[in-house]
Every structure is written in structure tokens, then in C-alpha cells.
Amino acid sequence: MITQRSILLVPFPFSDQSGKKVRPVCVVSSTHYNKNSQDLLVAGITSNISKDQYTTLLDPNDLEEGTLHTTCCIKVENILKIDKDLVIKPIGKINKQKLRDVHDILTHILRPD
């Protein structure tokens, strides 16, 4: 079963919908949601390091499972709903503190004006 905090490899669409590329993502939807839905909510992960306010760095120390070959960042503003059948394979799991970092950024993005 796919749980919150899992890092998965999936076909991730370009923002202009012109195509897609296989990319790692982090599951941000709750394990309860994932268990009861055919879909997952995920945030994109990239090795193109950005220091913008809607990303959080991801380094090997932030993983509970799996390995990273380089420091990356989770682009919290790149949220996608995907069908579980599109998952190519699981590749790791972030720790609880990194999920809190993602949640804090998401809360900032979604807060009322």
C-alpha cells in the first residue's frame, strides 16, 4: 500500500500539458485517503535546486527509506492528483519532519487572503 511520505516514480506532466517526463514525487495525501481512493496527491521532486519560498530542500538525511544520489527539492507548489495505476515504482520515504516542512509550505500557499 502507498502511504503518505512515500517517494514514487511517476510520469509527471509539464505545466503546459505539452508532454510528460518520468519524475520522482512525494505523496502528500493522507494514508487514509490513499487507502480509500484510486488517486494520490503528490508534490514534484527535482534536482534543479530552487530557493523559492514554495520549495523545501531534500537531502539524504531527510529519508527514512531509500537513497538519494544528490540533494533535491520538493516543489510544494507542484501538486498533482494522479491515478495509482500510473506509479512506476516506489523509491523511498521522507521522514516526518520533512513532511511537516511540506505541510507548513502548503498551509502558507492555501491560507485565506
Protein backbone atom coordinates (compact mmCIF):
# COMPACT_ATOMS: atom_id res chain seq x y z
CA MET A 1 0.00 0.00 0.00
CA ILE A 2 1.15 3.53 -0.78
CA THR A 3 1.41 5.72 2.31
CA GLN A 4 1.86 9.40 3.00
CA ARG A 5 5.55 10.42 2.74
CA SER A 6 6.31 7.77 0.08
CA ILE A 7 8.58 8.82 -2.76
CA LEU A 8 7.40 7.33 -6.04
CA LEU A 9 8.49 7.39 -9.67
CA VAL A 10 5.63 8.53 -11.93
CA PRO A 11 5.03 10.15 -15.34
CA PHE A 12 4.74 13.83 -14.35
CA PRO A 13 3.14 16.25 -16.85
CA PHE A 14 4.75 19.51 -17.92
CA SER A 15 2.89 22.56 -16.57
CA ASP A 16 1.76 23.49 -20.10
CA GLN A 17 0.42 19.92 -20.58
CA SER A 18 2.59 19.51 -23.73
CA GLY A 19 4.03 16.22 -22.52
CA LYS A 20 5.32 14.35 -19.51
CA LYS A 21 8.54 13.03 -18.07
CA VAL A 22 9.22 10.31 -15.51
CA ARG A 23 9.97 12.07 -12.24
CA PRO A 24 10.07 11.37 -8.52
CA VAL A 25 7.22 12.69 -6.40
CA CYS A 26 6.36 12.73 -2.71
CA VAL A 27 2.93 11.55 -1.57
CA VAL A 28 1.29 14.31 0.48
CA SER A 29 -2.24 12.86 0.76
CA SER A 30 -3.03 11.01 3.97
CA THR A 31 -2.66 7.26 4.19
CA HIS A 32 -6.41 7.05 4.91
CA TYR A 33 -7.17 8.96 1.68
CA ASN A 34 -4.71 6.80 -0.27
CA LYS A 35 -6.32 3.62 1.05
CA ASN A 36 -9.83 4.73 0.08
CA SER A 37 -9.16 6.41 -3.26
CA GLN A 38 -7.81 5.35 -6.64
CA ASP A 39 -5.87 8.64 -6.69
CA LEU A 40 -2.92 10.14 -4.83
CA LEU A 41 -1.97 13.76 -4.19
CA VAL A 42 1.73 14.23 -4.83
CA ALA A 43 4.31 17.03 -4.94
CA GLY A 44 7.06 17.04 -7.54
CA ILE A 45 10.72 16.48 -6.65
CA THR A 46 13.52 17.96 -8.74
CA SER A 47 17.31 18.14 -8.68
CA ASN A 48 17.06 21.72 -10.04
CA ILE A 49 17.59 23.38 -6.69
CA SER A 50 15.39 26.39 -6.12
CA LYS A 51 15.42 28.61 -3.08
CA ASP A 52 11.95 29.91 -3.69
CA GLN A 53 9.57 30.08 -0.77
CA TYR A 54 7.43 27.19 -2.03
CA THR A 55 10.16 24.55 -2.08
CA THR A 56 11.99 22.64 0.61
CA LEU A 57 15.41 21.05 0.25
CA LEU A 58 15.55 17.27 0.38
CA ASP A 59 18.85 15.61 1.22
CA PRO A 60 19.79 12.02 2.12
CA ASN A 61 19.30 12.72 5.85
CA ASP A 62 15.61 13.50 5.19
CA LEU A 63 14.84 9.92 4.14
CA GLU A 64 13.58 7.10 6.32
CA GLU A 65 13.83 4.64 3.42
CA GLY A 66 15.67 4.59 0.12
CA THR A 67 18.61 6.70 -1.01
CA LEU A 68 19.20 9.98 -2.81
CA HIS A 69 22.19 10.42 -5.06
CA THR A 70 22.06 14.21 -4.85
CA THR A 71 20.36 16.95 -2.90
CA CYS A 72 16.97 17.75 -4.41
CA CYS A 73 13.99 19.87 -3.52
CA ILE A 74 10.31 19.19 -3.12
CA LYS A 75 8.39 21.73 -5.17
CA VAL A 76 5.36 22.03 -2.93
CA GLU A 77 3.58 24.30 -5.43
CA ASN A 78 3.68 21.44 -7.96
CA ILE A 79 0.79 19.39 -6.58
CA LEU A 80 -0.73 16.76 -8.83
CA LYS A 81 -3.57 14.27 -8.48
CA ILE A 82 -2.58 11.00 -10.13
CA ASP A 83 -4.09 7.57 -10.53
CA LYS A 84 -2.29 4.87 -8.53
CA ASP A 85 -2.02 2.79 -11.69
CA LEU A 86 0.47 5.35 -13.06
CA VAL A 87 3.02 4.62 -10.31
CA ILE A 88 6.10 3.05 -11.87
CA LYS A 89 7.78 2.11 -8.59
CA PRO A 90 8.38 3.27 -5.00
CA ILE A 91 11.88 4.64 -4.37
CA GLY A 92 11.88 5.84 -0.76
CA LYS A 93 10.13 7.66 2.04
CA ILE A 94 10.72 11.07 3.61
CA ASN A 95 10.86 11.44 7.39
CA LYS A 96 8.11 13.06 9.47
CA GLN A 97 10.00 16.35 9.92
CA LYS A 98 10.30 16.84 6.16
CA LEU A 99 6.56 16.20 5.80
CA ARG A 100 5.96 18.91 8.43
CA ASP A 101 8.10 21.27 6.31
CA VAL A 102 5.98 20.41 3.25
CA HIS A 103 2.78 20.90 5.26
CA ASP A 104 3.95 24.31 6.53
CA ILE A 105 4.59 25.49 2.97
CA LEU A 106 1.27 24.09 1.77
CA THR A 107 -0.52 25.87 4.61
CA HIS A 108 1.15 29.12 3.53
CA ILE A 109 0.06 28.58 -0.09
CA LEU A 110 -3.54 27.76 0.85
CA ARG A 111 -4.14 30.29 3.60
CA PRO A 112 -7.04 32.69 3.02
CA ASP A 113 -6.19 36.20 1.84
